[in-house]
Structures are given as C-alpha cells and as structure tokens.
Amino acid sequence: MVADERDEIFAVQDKHLVRSVTPAPGRGKPYVHRCSQSSFESIAHAVDESDDNEGFTLEELAERARLPHTQVAVALAFLKERGCVVTRYRRCFANGPAVFEDAMCEFHALLEEQSRTKSS
C-alpha cells in the first residue's frame, strides 16, 4: 500500500455487499460498511436512469434511490472499482448503456470468486 492510499476490499456476506477499508497510516481507523443486495440493485437501476450528459454525485444518487448515503457509497465504490461507473470532473457517469446488468454480473462474479477461494 502506498503511504497515502487506503486498502479497500469488497466481499459478499449474507446477501450484502461489504466494503472493508483500511485507511493510509495516520488517516483514521479501519471500517466496514454494508449495502444490501436489494439496495445495490436499486442503486444500479438509479445509475441507469441518470442523465448520460449530466452525470451524478453520490448525494444525487442517494436521493434518487432513496437510500442512506453509506449504502450508496459502498455500491458506488464497487461500481467504480469494477468499471461500471467512471468519474470525470468530480461527477460520476455510467460506463455503458446497461449498468444494472453489468453491476449484477460483477456482484455475482464476486460471490462466485469467494466460493472458489473457500473451496480451494
């Protein structure tokens, strides 16, 4: 880990996307936040409904999906990591015409990856 970067790990546990973050040294304490699968699905739909030209912020997405900022932040970080969402000029944009489908593929790919790792 580079001195000013944090370590971020995603997992699926009990139908929740789990984001575990270890901040850079001296930048705070490790934390874990969760996003239910149903909330994740709602967030992915909300991304699909966003204006392709305007993009969105985390706050706008939370308002559109009517979900807590924490759950939206978990989902959005995962969607960015997996390339479903990109950031330009401090706004987020869907990285394709079907974010919901891509998001669900990535969610289930993570779950399958974990299953293979556990059985090894």
PDB file of N, CA and C in Angstrom:
ATOM      1  N   MET A   1       0.856  -1.177   0.000  1.00  0.00           N
ATOM      2  CA  MET A   1       0.000   0.000   0.000  1.00  0.00           C
ATOM      3  C   MET A   1       0.900   1.237   0.000  1.00  0.00           C
ATOM      4  N   VAL A   2       0.659   2.171  -0.906  1.00  0.00           N
ATOM      5  CA  VAL A   2       1.376   3.432  -0.971  1.00  0.00           C
ATOM      6  C   VAL A   2       0.976   4.252   0.250  1.00  0.00           C
ATOM      7  N   ALA A   3       1.905   5.057   0.753  1.00  0.00           N
ATOM      8  CA  ALA A   3       1.707   5.774   2.009  1.00  0.00           C
ATOM      9  C   ALA A   3       0.406   6.581   2.085  1.00  0.00           C
ATOM     10  N   ASP A   4      -0.062   7.167   0.985  1.00  0.00           N
ATOM     11  CA  ASP A   4      -1.265   7.988   1.057  1.00  0.00           C
ATOM     12  C   ASP A   4      -2.506   7.286   0.505  1.00  0.00           C
ATOM     13  N   GLU A   5      -2.424   5.992   0.259  1.00  0.00           N
ATOM     14  CA  GLU A   5      -3.571   5.245  -0.247  1.00  0.00           C
ATOM     15  C   GLU A   5      -4.180   4.380   0.843  1.00  0.00           C
ATOM     16  N   ARG A   6      -5.437   4.072   0.663  1.00  0.00           N
ATOM     17  CA  ARG A   6      -6.103   3.165   1.589  1.00  0.00           C
ATOM     18  C   ARG A   6      -6.259   1.813   0.913  1.00  0.00           C
ATOM     19  N   ASP A   7      -6.464   0.796   1.734  1.00  0.00           N
ATOM     20  CA  ASP A   7      -6.692  -0.556   1.238  1.00  0.00           C
ATOM     21  C   ASP A   7      -8.191  -0.810   1.318  1.00  0.00           C
ATOM     22  N   GLU A   8      -8.772  -1.197   0.194  1.00  0.00           N
ATOM     23  CA  GLU A   8     -10.221  -1.393   0.121  1.00  0.00           C
ATOM     24  C   GLU A   8     -10.494  -2.789  -0.418  1.00  0.00           C
ATOM     25  N   ILE A   9     -11.326  -3.549   0.310  1.00  0.00           N
ATOM     26  CA  ILE A   9     -11.659  -4.918  -0.086  1.00  0.00           C
ATOM     27  C   ILE A   9     -13.178  -5.058  -0.094  1.00  0.00           C
ATOM     28  N   PHE A  10     -13.688  -5.701  -1.146  1.00  0.00           N
ATOM     29  CA  PHE A  10     -15.125  -5.967  -1.245  1.00  0.00           C
ATOM     30  C   PHE A  10     -15.378  -7.455  -1.082  1.00  0.00           C
ATOM     31  N   ALA A  11     -16.511  -7.775  -0.464  1.00  0.00           N
ATOM     32  CA  ALA A  11     -16.936  -9.167  -0.290  1.00  0.00           C
ATOM     33  C   ALA A  11     -18.460  -9.186  -0.290  1.00  0.00           C
ATOM     34  N   VAL A  12     -19.013 -10.373  -0.469  1.00  0.00           N
ATOM     35  CA  VAL A  12     -20.462 -10.559  -0.342  1.00  0.00           C
ATOM     36  C   VAL A  12     -20.676 -11.485   0.839  1.00  0.00           C
ATOM     37  N   GLN A  13     -21.474 -11.018   1.816  1.00  0.00           N
ATOM     38  CA  GLN A  13     -21.786 -11.804   3.005  1.00  0.00           C
ATOM     39  C   GLN A  13     -23.276 -11.652   3.305  1.00  0.00           C
ATOM     40  N   ASP A  14     -23.953 -12.766   3.433  1.00  0.00           N
ATOM     41  CA  ASP A  14     -25.373 -12.753   3.812  1.00  0.00           C
ATOM     42  C   ASP A  14     -26.189 -11.789   2.949  1.00  0.00           C
ATOM     43  N   LYS A  15     -26.024 -11.879   1.628  1.00  0.00           N
ATOM     44  CA  LYS A  15     -26.738 -11.041   0.664  1.00  0.00           C
ATOM     45  C   LYS A  15     -26.470  -9.549   0.850  1.00  0.00           C
ATOM     46  N   HIS A  16     -25.277  -9.215   1.316  1.00  0.00           N
ATOM     47  CA  HIS A  16     -24.848  -7.829   1.459  1.00  0.00           C
ATOM     48  C   HIS A  16     -23.492  -7.661   0.787  1.00  0.00           C
ATOM     49  N   LEU A  17     -23.321  -6.550   0.082  1.00  0.00           N
ATOM     50  CA  LEU A  17     -22.011  -6.166  -0.420  1.00  0.00           C
ATOM     51  C   LEU A  17     -21.310  -5.484   0.739  1.00  0.00           C
ATOM     52  N   VAL A  18     -20.119  -5.969   1.083  1.00  0.00           N
ATOM     53  CA  VAL A  18     -19.387  -5.468   2.242  1.00  0.00           C
ATOM     54  C   VAL A  18     -18.110  -4.796   1.763  1.00  0.00           C
ATOM     55  N   ARG A  19     -17.888  -3.589   2.220  1.00  0.00           N
ATOM     56  CA  ARG A  19     -16.686  -2.817   1.880  1.00  0.00           C
ATOM     57  C   ARG A  19     -15.870  -2.642   3.151  1.00  0.00           C
ATOM     58  N   SER A  20     -14.670  -3.214   3.154  1.00  0.00           N
ATOM     59  CA  SER A  20     -13.753  -3.090   4.292  1.00  0.00           C
ATOM     60  C   SER A  20     -12.617  -2.167   3.868  1.00  0.00           C
ATOM     61  N   VAL A  21     -12.420  -1.110   4.640  1.00  0.00           N
ATOM     62  CA  VAL A  21     -11.407  -0.112   4.292  1.00  0.00           C
ATOM     63  C   VAL A  21     -10.402   0.025   5.425  1.00  0.00           C
ATOM     64  N   THR A  22      -9.139  -0.042   5.048  1.00  0.00           N
ATOM     65  CA  THR A  22      -8.051   0.253   5.971  1.00  0.00           C
ATOM     66  C   THR A  22      -7.400   1.531   5.453  1.00  0.00           C
ATOM     67  N   PRO A  23      -7.597   2.661   6.160  1.00  0.00           N
ATOM     68  CA  PRO A  23      -7.033   3.929   5.686  1.00  0.00           C
ATOM     69  C   PRO A  23      -5.507   3.909   5.697  1.00  0.00           C
ATOM     70  N   ALA A  24      -4.933   4.854   4.975  1.00  0.00           N
ATOM     71  CA  ALA A  24      -3.483   5.014   4.987  1.00  0.00           C
ATOM     72  C   ALA A  24      -3.050   5.291   6.425  1.00  0.00           C
ATOM     73  N   PRO A  25      -1.821   4.928   6.777  1.00  0.00           N
ATOM     74  CA  PRO A  25      -1.331   5.176   8.140  1.00  0.00           C
ATOM     75  C   PRO A  25      -1.532   6.641   8.544  1.00  0.00           C
ATOM     76  N   GLY A  26      -2.070   6.810   9.747  1.00  0.00           N
ATOM     77  CA  GLY A  26      -2.304   8.142  10.278  1.00  0.00           C
ATOM     78  C   GLY A  26      -3.552   8.831   9.741  1.00  0.00           C
ATOM     79  N   ARG A  27      -4.365   8.120   8.976  1.00  0.00           N
ATOM     80  CA  ARG A  27      -5.544   8.720   8.354  1.00  0.00           C
ATOM     81  C   ARG A  27      -6.856   8.203   8.941  1.00  0.00           C
ATOM     82  N   GLY A  28      -6.839   7.577  10.073  1.00  0.00           N
ATOM     83  CA  GLY A  28      -8.080   7.101  10.669  1.00  0.00           C
ATOM     84  C   GLY A  28      -8.045   5.613  10.941  1.00  0.00           C
ATOM     85  N   LYS A  29      -9.182   5.111  11.408  1.00  0.00           N
ATOM     86  CA  LYS A  29      -9.300   3.702  11.783  1.00  0.00           C
ATOM     87  C   LYS A  29      -9.970   2.914  10.671  1.00  0.00           C
ATOM     88  N   PRO A  30      -9.674   1.617  10.610  1.00  0.00           N
ATOM     89  CA  PRO A  30     -10.357   0.753   9.633  1.00  0.00           C
ATOM     90  C   PRO A  30     -11.866   0.748   9.907  1.00  0.00           C
ATOM     91  N   TYR A  31     -12.623   0.565   8.841  1.00  0.00           N
ATOM     92  CA  TYR A  31     -14.072   0.493   8.994  1.00  0.00           C
ATOM     93  C   TYR A  31     -14.672  -0.478   7.985  1.00  0.00           C
ATOM     94  N   VAL A  32     -15.894  -0.885   8.271  1.00  0.00           N
ATOM     95  CA  VAL A  32     -16.640  -1.799   7.400  1.00  0.00           C
ATOM     96  C   VAL A  32     -18.042  -1.231   7.238  1.00  0.00           C
ATOM     97  N   HIS A  33     -18.487  -1.126   5.977  1.00  0.00           N
ATOM     98  CA  HIS A  33     -19.850  -0.698   5.681  1.00  0.00           C
ATOM     99  C   HIS A  33     -20.493  -1.729   4.783  1.00  0.00           C
ATOM    100  N   ARG A  34     -21.819  -1.801   4.831  1.00  0.00           N
ATOM    101  CA  ARG A  34     -22.562  -2.805   4.069  1.00  0.00           C
ATOM    102  C   ARG A  34     -23.643  -2.146   3.213  1.00  0.00           C
ATOM    103  N   CYS A  35     -23.991  -2.868   2.155  1.00  0.00           N
ATOM    104  CA  CYS A  35     -25.092  -2.467   1.283  1.00  0.00           C
ATOM    105  C   CYS A  35     -25.864  -3.731   0.944  1.00  0.00           C
ATOM    106  N   SER A  36     -27.140  -3.769   1.266  1.00  0.00           N
ATOM    107  CA  SER A  36     -27.935  -4.967   0.987  1.00  0.00           C
ATOM    108  C   SER A  36     -28.022  -5.185  -0.526  1.00  0.00           C
ATOM    109  N   GLN A  37     -28.249  -6.424  -0.915  1.00  0.00           N
ATOM    110  CA  GLN A  37     -28.359  -6.739  -2.334  1.00  0.00           C
ATOM    111  C   GLN A  37     -29.524  -5.973  -2.969  1.00  0.00           C
ATOM    112  N   SER A  38     -30.632  -5.875  -2.270  1.00  0.00           N
ATOM    113  CA  SER A  38     -31.775  -5.149  -2.832  1.00  0.00           C
ATOM    114  C   SER A  38     -31.454  -3.662  -3.007  1.00  0.00           C
ATOM    115  N   SER A  39     -30.722  -3.082  -2.060  1.00  0.00           N
ATOM    116  CA  SER A  39     -30.302  -1.686  -2.204  1.00  0.00           C
ATOM    117  C   SER A  39     -29.320  -1.540  -3.353  1.00  0.00           C
ATOM    118  N   PHE A  40     -28.407  -2.488  -3.478  1.00  0.00           N
ATOM    119  CA  PHE A  40     -27.440  -2.474  -4.577  1.00  0.00           C
ATOM    120  C   PHE A  40     -28.171  -2.482  -5.918  1.00  0.00           C
ATOM    121  N   GLU A  41     -29.192  -3.306  -6.028  1.00  0.00           N
ATOM    122  CA  GLU A  41     -29.977  -3.376  -7.264  1.00  0.00           C
ATOM    123  C   GLU A  41     -30.675  -2.040  -7.545  1.00  0.00           C
ATOM    124  N   SER A  42     -31.243  -1.431  -6.512  1.00  0.00           N
ATOM    125  CA  SER A  42     -31.904  -0.128  -6.675  1.00  0.00           C
ATOM    126  C   SER A  42     -30.913   0.946  -7.114  1.00  0.00           C
ATOM    127  N   ILE A  43     -29.725   0.904  -6.556  1.00  0.00           N
ATOM    128  CA  ILE A  43     -28.692   1.881  -6.909  1.00  0.00           C
ATOM    129  C   ILE A  43     -28.251   1.695  -8.356  1.00  0.00           C
ATOM    130  N   ALA A  44     -28.072   0.458  -8.775  1.00  0.00           N
ATOM    131  CA  ALA A  44     -27.684   0.186 -10.161  1.00  0.00           C
ATOM    132  C   ALA A  44     -28.769   0.672 -11.132  1.00  0.00           C
ATOM    133  N   HIS A  45     -30.035   0.477 -10.775  1.00  0.00           N
ATOM    134  CA  HIS A  45     -31.131   0.995 -11.607  1.00  0.00           C
ATOM    135  C   HIS A  45     -31.088   2.528 -11.647  1.00  0.00           C
ATOM    136  N   ALA A  46     -30.820   3.147 -10.507  1.00  0.00           N
ATOM    137  CA  ALA A  46     -30.753   4.610 -10.442  1.00  0.00           C
ATOM    138  C   ALA A  46     -29.616   5.148 -11.313  1.00  0.00           C
ATOM    139  N   VAL A  47     -28.505   4.431 -11.375  1.00  0.00           N
ATOM    140  CA  VAL A  47     -27.406   4.834 -12.260  1.00  0.00           C
ATOM    141  C   VAL A  47     -27.881   4.766 -13.706  1.00  0.00           C
ATOM    142  N   ASP A  48     -28.572   3.694 -14.055  1.00  0.00           N
ATOM    143  CA  ASP A  48     -29.098   3.558 -15.426  1.00  0.00           C
ATOM    144  C   ASP A  48     -30.051   4.700 -15.787  1.00  0.00           C
ATOM    145  N   GLU A  49     -30.774   5.196 -14.804  1.00  0.00           N
ATOM    146  CA  GLU A  49     -31.750   6.258 -15.046  1.00  0.00           C
ATOM    147  C   GLU A  49     -31.125   7.650 -15.072  1.00  0.00           C
ATOM    148  N   SER A  50     -29.840   7.746 -14.758  1.00  0.00           N
ATOM    149  CA  SER A  50     -29.189   9.057 -14.716  1.00  0.00           C
ATOM    150  C   SER A  50     -29.009   9.615 -16.124  1.00  0.00           C
ATOM    151  N   ASP A  51     -28.920  10.924 -16.205  1.00  0.00           N
ATOM    152  CA  ASP A  51     -28.720  11.617 -17.477  1.00  0.00           C
ATOM    153  C   ASP A  51     -27.280  11.396 -17.926  1.00  0.00           C
ATOM    154  N   ASP A  52     -27.116  10.798 -19.094  1.00  0.00           N
ATOM    155  CA  ASP A  52     -25.776  10.487 -19.603  1.00  0.00           C
ATOM    156  C   ASP A  52     -24.904  11.724 -19.751  1.00  0.00           C
ATOM    157  N   ASN A  53     -25.495  12.863 -20.026  1.00  0.00           N
ATOM    158  CA  ASN A  53     -24.719  14.081 -20.250  1.00  0.00           C
ATOM    159  C   ASN A  53     -24.378  14.820 -18.961  1.00  0.00           C
ATOM    160  N   GLU A  54     -25.230  14.692 -17.962  1.00  0.00           N
ATOM    161  CA  GLU A  54     -25.049  15.428 -16.714  1.00  0.00           C
ATOM    162  C   GLU A  54     -24.278  14.643 -15.655  1.00  0.00           C
ATOM    163  N   GLY A  55     -24.394  13.318 -15.677  1.00  0.00           N
ATOM    164  CA  GLY A  55     -23.773  12.513 -14.642  1.00  0.00           C
ATOM    165  C   GLY A  55     -24.491  12.696 -13.317  1.00  0.00           C
ATOM    166  N   PHE A  56     -23.831  12.307 -12.226  1.00  0.00           N
ATOM    167  CA  PHE A  56     -24.459  12.390 -10.907  1.00  0.00           C
ATOM    168  C   PHE A  56     -23.386  12.401  -9.829  1.00  0.00           C
ATOM    169  N   THR A  57     -23.770  12.806  -8.641  1.00  0.00           N
ATOM    170  CA  THR A  57     -22.909  12.734  -7.460  1.00  0.00           C
ATOM    171  C   THR A  57     -23.476  11.663  -6.535  1.00  0.00           C
ATOM    172  N   LEU A  58     -22.722  11.310  -5.537  1.00  0.00           N
ATOM    173  CA  LEU A  58     -23.197  10.337  -4.548  1.00  0.00           C
ATOM    174  C   LEU A  58     -24.485  10.848  -3.901  1.00  0.00           C
ATOM    175  N   GLU A  59     -24.517  12.124  -3.559  1.00  0.00           N
ATOM    176  CA  GLU A  59     -25.689  12.696  -2.902  1.00  0.00           C
ATOM    177  C   GLU A  59     -26.920  12.620  -3.804  1.00  0.00           C
ATOM    178  N   GLU A  60     -26.745  12.942  -5.090  1.00  0.00           N
ATOM    179  CA  GLU A  60     -27.868  12.874  -6.021  1.00  0.00           C
ATOM    180  C   GLU A  60     -28.353  11.438  -6.203  1.00  0.00           C
ATOM    181  N   LEU A  61     -27.412  10.507  -6.246  1.00  0.00           N
ATOM    182  CA  LEU A  61     -27.777   9.105  -6.397  1.00  0.00           C
ATOM    183  C   LEU A  61     -28.528   8.601  -5.165  1.00  0.00           C
ATOM    184  N   ALA A  62     -28.073   8.999  -3.973  1.00  0.00           N
ATOM    185  CA  ALA A  62     -28.748   8.602  -2.731  1.00  0.00           C
ATOM    186  C   ALA A  62     -30.172   9.139  -2.699  1.00  0.00           C
ATOM    187  N   GLU A  63     -30.337  10.376  -3.157  1.00  0.00           N
ATOM    188  CA  GLU A  63     -31.676  10.974  -3.190  1.00  0.00           C
ATOM    189  C   GLU A  63     -32.560  10.252  -4.211  1.00  0.00           C
ATOM    190  N   ARG A  64     -32.006   9.968  -5.386  1.00  0.00           N
ATOM    191  CA  ARG A  64     -32.785   9.293  -6.436  1.00  0.00           C
ATOM    192  C   ARG A  64     -33.197   7.893  -5.989  1.00  0.00           C
ATOM    193  N   ALA A  65     -32.268   7.179  -5.343  1.00  0.00           N
ATOM    194  CA  ALA A  65     -32.552   5.805  -4.907  1.00  0.00           C
ATOM    195  C   ALA A  65     -33.288   5.759  -3.566  1.00  0.00           C
ATOM    196  N   ARG A  66     -33.359   6.896  -2.876  1.00  0.00           N
ATOM    197  CA  ARG A  66     -33.990   6.990  -1.548  1.00  0.00           C
ATOM    198  C   ARG A  66     -33.377   5.989  -0.562  1.00  0.00           C
ATOM    199  N   LEU A  67     -32.038   6.027  -0.527  1.00  0.00           N
ATOM    200  CA  LEU A  67     -31.289   5.120   0.344  1.00  0.00           C
ATOM    201  C   LEU A  67     -30.249   5.900   1.136  1.00  0.00           C
ATOM    202  N   PRO A  68     -29.792   5.337   2.256  1.00  0.00           N
ATOM    203  CA  PRO A  68     -28.766   6.000   3.060  1.00  0.00           C
ATOM    204  C   PRO A  68     -27.474   6.192   2.269  1.00  0.00           C
ATOM    205  N   HIS A  69     -26.811   7.310   2.519  1.00  0.00           N
ATOM    206  CA  HIS A  69     -25.553   7.627   1.831  1.00  0.00           C
ATOM    207  C   HIS A  69     -24.509   6.519   2.001  1.00  0.00           C
ATOM    208  N   THR A  70     -24.484   5.897   3.171  1.00  0.00           N
ATOM    209  CA  THR A  70     -23.486   4.858   3.420  1.00  0.00           C
ATOM    210  C   THR A  70     -23.650   3.692   2.457  1.00  0.00           C
ATOM    211  N   GLN A  71     -24.881   3.239   2.272  1.00  0.00           N
ATOM    212  CA  GLN A  71     -25.115   2.126   1.346  1.00  0.00           C
ATOM    213  C   GLN A  71     -24.790   2.530  -0.094  1.00  0.00           C
ATOM    214  N   VAL A  72     -25.146   3.741  -0.466  1.00  0.00           N
ATOM    215  CA  VAL A  72     -24.852   4.223  -1.819  1.00  0.00           C
ATOM    216  C   VAL A  72     -23.346   4.336  -2.019  1.00  0.00           C
ATOM    217  N   ALA A  73     -22.632   4.796  -0.999  1.00  0.00           N
ATOM    218  CA  ALA A  73     -21.175   4.923  -1.103  1.00  0.00           C
ATOM    219  C   ALA A  73     -20.515   3.559  -1.324  1.00  0.00           C
ATOM    220  N   VAL A  74     -20.998   2.529  -0.642  1.00  0.00           N
ATOM    221  CA  VAL A  74     -20.466   1.172  -0.814  1.00  0.00           C
ATOM    222  C   VAL A  74     -20.704   0.704  -2.242  1.00  0.00           C
ATOM    223  N   ALA A  75     -21.940   0.829  -2.699  1.00  0.00           N
ATOM    224  CA  ALA A  75     -22.281   0.379  -4.051  1.00  0.00           C
ATOM    225  C   ALA A  75     -21.509   1.160  -5.106  1.00  0.00           C
ATOM    226  N   LEU A  76     -21.422   2.467  -4.947  1.00  0.00           N
ATOM    227  CA  LEU A  76     -20.746   3.303  -5.921  1.00  0.00           C
ATOM    228  C   LEU A  76     -19.253   2.989  -5.986  1.00  0.00           C
ATOM    229  N   ALA A  77     -18.625   2.773  -4.843  1.00  0.00           N
ATOM    230  CA  ALA A  77     -17.200   2.419  -4.829  1.00  0.00           C
ATOM    231  C   ALA A  77     -16.972   1.098  -5.562  1.00  0.00           C
ATOM    232  N   PHE A  78     -17.859   0.134  -5.350  1.00  0.00           N
ATOM    233  CA  PHE A  78     -17.748  -1.156  -6.030  1.00  0.00           C
ATOM    234  C   PHE A  78     -17.952  -0.992  -7.538  1.00  0.00           C
ATOM    235  N   LEU A  79     -18.956  -0.209  -7.930  1.00  0.00           N
ATOM    236  CA  LEU A  79     -19.225   0.008  -9.349  1.00  0.00           C
ATOM    237  C   LEU A  79     -18.058   0.719 -10.034  1.00  0.00           C
ATOM    238  N   LYS A  80     -17.405   1.618  -9.319  1.00  0.00           N
ATOM    239  CA  LYS A  80     -16.215   2.283  -9.872  1.00  0.00           C
ATOM    240  C   LYS A  80     -15.064   1.301 -10.008  1.00  0.00           C
ATOM    241  N   GLU A  81     -14.845   0.512  -8.959  1.00  0.00           N
ATOM    242  CA  GLU A  81     -13.743  -0.455  -8.990  1.00  0.00           C
ATOM    243  C   GLU A  81     -13.909  -1.438 -10.153  1.00  0.00           C
ATOM    244  N   ARG A  82     -15.134  -1.853 -10.420  1.00  0.00           N
ATOM    245  CA  ARG A  82     -15.401  -2.842 -11.461  1.00  0.00           C
ATOM    246  C   ARG A  82     -15.602  -2.223 -12.844  1.00  0.00           C
ATOM    247  N   GLY A  83     -15.475  -0.901 -12.955  1.00  0.00           N
ATOM    248  CA  GLY A  83     -15.547  -0.247 -14.250  1.00  0.00           C
ATOM    249  C   GLY A  83     -16.949   0.015 -14.773  1.00  0.00           C
ATOM    250  N   CYS A  84     -17.956  -0.149 -13.933  1.00  0.00           N
ATOM    251  CA  CYS A  84     -19.337   0.096 -14.358  1.00  0.00           C
ATOM    252  C   CYS A  84     -19.663   1.591 -14.346  1.00  0.00           C
ATOM    253  N   VAL A  85     -18.934   2.329 -13.524  1.00  0.00           N
ATOM    254  CA  VAL A  85     -19.117   3.773 -13.373  1.00  0.00           C
ATOM    255  C   VAL A  85     -17.737   4.418 -13.456  1.00  0.00           C
ATOM    256  N   VAL A  86     -17.665   5.564 -14.116  1.00  0.00           N
ATOM    257  CA  VAL A  86     -16.408   6.315 -14.203  1.00  0.00           C
ATOM    258  C   VAL A  86     -16.620   7.713 -13.643  1.00  0.00           C
ATOM    259  N   THR A  87     -15.541   8.344 -13.213  1.00  0.00           N
ATOM    260  CA  THR A  87     -15.603   9.694 -12.676  1.00  0.00           C
ATOM    261  C   THR A  87     -14.866  10.643 -13.618  1.00  0.00           C
ATOM    262  N   ARG A  88     -15.564  11.723 -13.967  1.00  0.00           N
ATOM    263  CA  ARG A  88     -14.959  12.790 -14.766  1.00  0.00           C
ATOM    264  C   ARG A  88     -15.385  14.118 -14.152  1.00  0.00           C
ATOM    265  N   TYR A  89     -14.400  14.952 -13.884  1.00  0.00           N
ATOM    266  CA  TYR A  89     -14.681  16.294 -13.350  1.00  0.00           C
ATOM    267  C   TYR A  89     -15.561  16.248 -12.103  1.00  0.00           C
ATOM    268  N   ARG A  90     -15.237  15.322 -11.219  1.00  0.00           N
ATOM    269  CA  ARG A  90     -15.906  15.172  -9.913  1.00  0.00           C
ATOM    270  C   ARG A  90     -17.370  14.723 -10.003  1.00  0.00           C
ATOM    271  N   ARG A  91     -17.783  14.246 -11.171  1.00  0.00           N
ATOM    272  CA  ARG A  91     -19.126  13.686 -11.335  1.00  0.00           C
ATOM    273  C   ARG A  91     -18.981  12.263 -11.839  1.00  0.00           C
ATOM    274  N   CYS A  92     -19.952  11.443 -11.520  1.00  0.00           N
ATOM    275  CA  CYS A  92     -19.932  10.040 -11.942  1.00  0.00           C
ATOM    276  C   CYS A  92     -20.816   9.867 -13.176  1.00  0.00           C
ATOM    277  N   PHE A  93     -20.411   8.898 -14.011  1.00  0.00           N
ATOM    278  CA  PHE A  93     -21.154   8.605 -15.235  1.00  0.00           C
ATOM    279  C   PHE A  93     -21.224   7.098 -15.420  1.00  0.00           C
ATOM    280  N   ALA A  94     -22.350   6.642 -15.959  1.00  0.00           N
ATOM    281  CA  ALA A  94     -22.476   5.228 -16.321  1.00  0.00           C
ATOM    282  C   ALA A  94     -21.448   4.943 -17.403  1.00  0.00           C
ATOM    283  N   ASN A  95     -20.777   3.818 -17.311  1.00  0.00           N
ATOM    284  CA  ASN A  95     -19.765   3.439 -18.292  1.00  0.00           C
ATOM    285  C   ASN A  95     -20.356   2.398 -19.243  1.00  0.00           C
ATOM    286  N   GLY A  96     -21.462   2.740 -19.848  1.00  0.00           N
ATOM    287  CA  GLY A  96     -22.127   1.828 -20.765  1.00  0.00           C
ATOM    288  C   GLY A  96     -23.624   1.982 -20.660  1.00  0.00           C
ATOM    289  N   PRO A  97     -24.336   1.351 -21.568  1.00  0.00           N
ATOM    290  CA  PRO A  97     -25.785   1.524 -21.627  1.00  0.00           C
ATOM    291  C   PRO A  97     -26.581   0.663 -20.641  1.00  0.00           C
ATOM    292  N   ALA A  98     -25.957  -0.311 -20.009  1.00  0.00           N
ATOM    293  CA  ALA A  98     -26.703  -1.248 -19.154  1.00  0.00           C
ATOM    294  C   ALA A  98     -25.953  -1.508 -17.851  1.00  0.00           C
ATOM    295  N   VAL A  99     -25.879  -0.497 -17.009  1.00  0.00           N
ATOM    296  CA  VAL A  99     -25.144  -0.630 -15.748  1.00  0.00           C
ATOM    297  C   VAL A  99     -25.768  -1.688 -14.846  1.00  0.00           C
ATOM    298  N   PHE A 100     -27.102  -1.753 -14.814  1.00  0.00           N
ATOM    299  CA  PHE A 100     -27.733  -2.737 -13.936  1.00  0.00           C
ATOM    300  C   PHE A 100     -27.244  -4.146 -14.249  1.00  0.00           C
ATOM    301  N   GLU A 101     -27.251  -4.520 -15.515  1.00  0.00           N
ATOM    302  CA  GLU A 101     -26.811  -5.867 -15.905  1.00  0.00           C
ATOM    303  C   GLU A 101     -25.338  -6.085 -15.561  1.00  0.00           C
ATOM    304  N   ASP A 102     -24.504  -5.080 -15.857  1.00  0.00           N
ATOM    305  CA  ASP A 102     -23.083  -5.189 -15.539  1.00  0.00           C
ATOM    306  C   ASP A 102     -22.867  -5.289 -14.026  1.00  0.00           C
ATOM    307  N   ALA A 103     -23.612  -4.483 -13.283  1.00  0.00           N
ATOM    308  CA  ALA A 103     -23.479  -4.477 -11.825  1.00  0.00           C
ATOM    309  C   ALA A 103     -23.839  -5.838 -11.233  1.00  0.00           C
ATOM    310  N   MET A 104     -24.921  -6.432 -11.723  1.00  0.00           N
ATOM    311  CA  MET A 104     -25.334  -7.730 -11.201  1.00  0.00           C
ATOM    312  C   MET A 104     -24.338  -8.820 -11.594  1.00  0.00           C
ATOM    313  N   CYS A 105     -23.791  -8.734 -12.794  1.00  0.00           N
ATOM    314  CA  CYS A 105     -22.746  -9.699 -13.192  1.00  0.00           C
ATOM    315  C   CYS A 105     -21.551  -9.590 -12.255  1.00  0.00           C
ATOM    316  N   GLU A 106     -21.140  -8.365 -11.943  1.00  0.00           N
ATOM    317  CA  GLU A 106     -19.983  -8.158 -11.062  1.00  0.00           C
ATOM    318  C   GLU A 106     -20.277  -8.622  -9.629  1.00  0.00           C
ATOM    319  N   PHE A 107     -21.490  -8.365  -9.143  1.00  0.00           N
ATOM    320  CA  PHE A 107     -21.887  -8.801  -7.800  1.00  0.00           C
ATOM    321  C   PHE A 107     -21.793 -10.327  -7.702  1.00  0.00           C
ATOM    322  N   HIS A 108     -22.359 -11.007  -8.695  1.00  0.00           N
ATOM    323  CA  HIS A 108     -22.362 -12.471  -8.666  1.00  0.00           C
ATOM    324  C   HIS A 108     -20.989 -13.053  -8.985  1.00  0.00           C
ATOM    325  N   ALA A 109     -20.195 -12.345  -9.775  1.00  0.00           N
ATOM    326  CA  ALA A 109     -18.816 -12.789 -10.034  1.00  0.00           C
ATOM    327  C   ALA A 109     -18.000 -12.737  -8.743  1.00  0.00           C
ATOM    328  N   LEU A 110     -18.202 -11.694  -7.950  1.00  0.00           N
ATOM    329  CA  LEU A 110     -17.509 -11.596  -6.663  1.00  0.00           C
ATOM    330  C   LEU A 110     -17.934 -12.732  -5.742  1.00  0.00           C
ATOM    331  N   LEU A 111     -19.215 -13.012  -5.709  1.00  0.00           N
ATOM    332  CA  LEU A 111     -19.736 -14.103  -4.890  1.00  0.00           C
ATOM    333  C   LEU A 111     -19.151 -15.442  -5.333  1.00  0.00           C
ATOM    334  N   GLU A 112     -19.099 -15.685  -6.634  1.00  0.00           N
ATOM    335  CA  GLU A 112     -18.541 -16.929  -7.164  1.00  0.00           C
ATOM    336  C   GLU A 112     -17.041 -17.027  -6.883  1.00  0.00           C
ATOM    337  N   GLU A 113     -16.347 -15.916  -7.034  1.00  0.00           N
ATOM    338  CA  GLU A 113     -14.904 -15.874  -6.746  1.00  0.00           C
ATOM    339  C   GLU A 113     -14.644 -16.263  -5.293  1.00  0.00           C
ATOM    340  N   GLN A 114     -15.460 -15.754  -4.388  1.00  0.00           N
ATOM    341  CA  GLN A 114     -15.328 -16.101  -2.974  1.00  0.00           C
ATOM    342  C   GLN A 114     -15.580 -17.590  -2.756  1.00  0.00           C
ATOM    343  N   SER A 115     -16.584 -18.139  -3.432  1.00  0.00           N
ATOM    344  CA  SER A 115     -16.914 -19.556  -3.287  1.00  0.00           C
ATOM    345  C   SER A 115     -15.752 -20.430  -3.727  1.00  0.00           C
ATOM    346  N   ARG A 116     -15.130 -20.054  -4.847  1.00  0.00           N
ATOM    347  CA  ARG A 116     -13.972 -20.827  -5.350  1.00  0.00           C
ATOM    348  C   ARG A 116     -12.801 -20.743  -4.387  1.00  0.00           C
ATOM    349  N   THR A 117     -12.587 -19.559  -3.824  1.00  0.00           N
ATOM    350  CA  THR A 117     -11.483 -19.354  -2.882  1.00  0.00           C
ATOM    351  C   THR A 117     -11.690 -20.181  -1.617  1.00  0.00           C
ATOM    352  N   LYS A 118     -12.926 -20.234  -1.122  1.00  0.00           N
ATOM    353  CA  LYS A 118     -13.231 -21.007   0.087  1.00  0.00           C
ATOM    354  C   LYS A 118     -13.078 -22.495  -0.133  1.00  0.00           C
ATOM    355  N   SER A 119     -13.420 -22.974  -1.327  1.00  0.00           N
ATOM    356  CA  SER A 119     -13.357 -24.410  -1.581  1.00  0.00           C
ATOM    357  C   SER A 119     -11.956 -24.891  -1.949  1.00  0.00           C
ATOM    358  N   SER A 120     -11.038 -23.953  -2.163  1.00  0.00           N
ATOM    359  CA  SER A 120      -9.659 -24.335  -2.505  1.00  0.00           C
ATOM    360  C   SER A 120      -8.854 -24.721  -1.290  1.00  0.00           C
TER     361      SER A 120
END
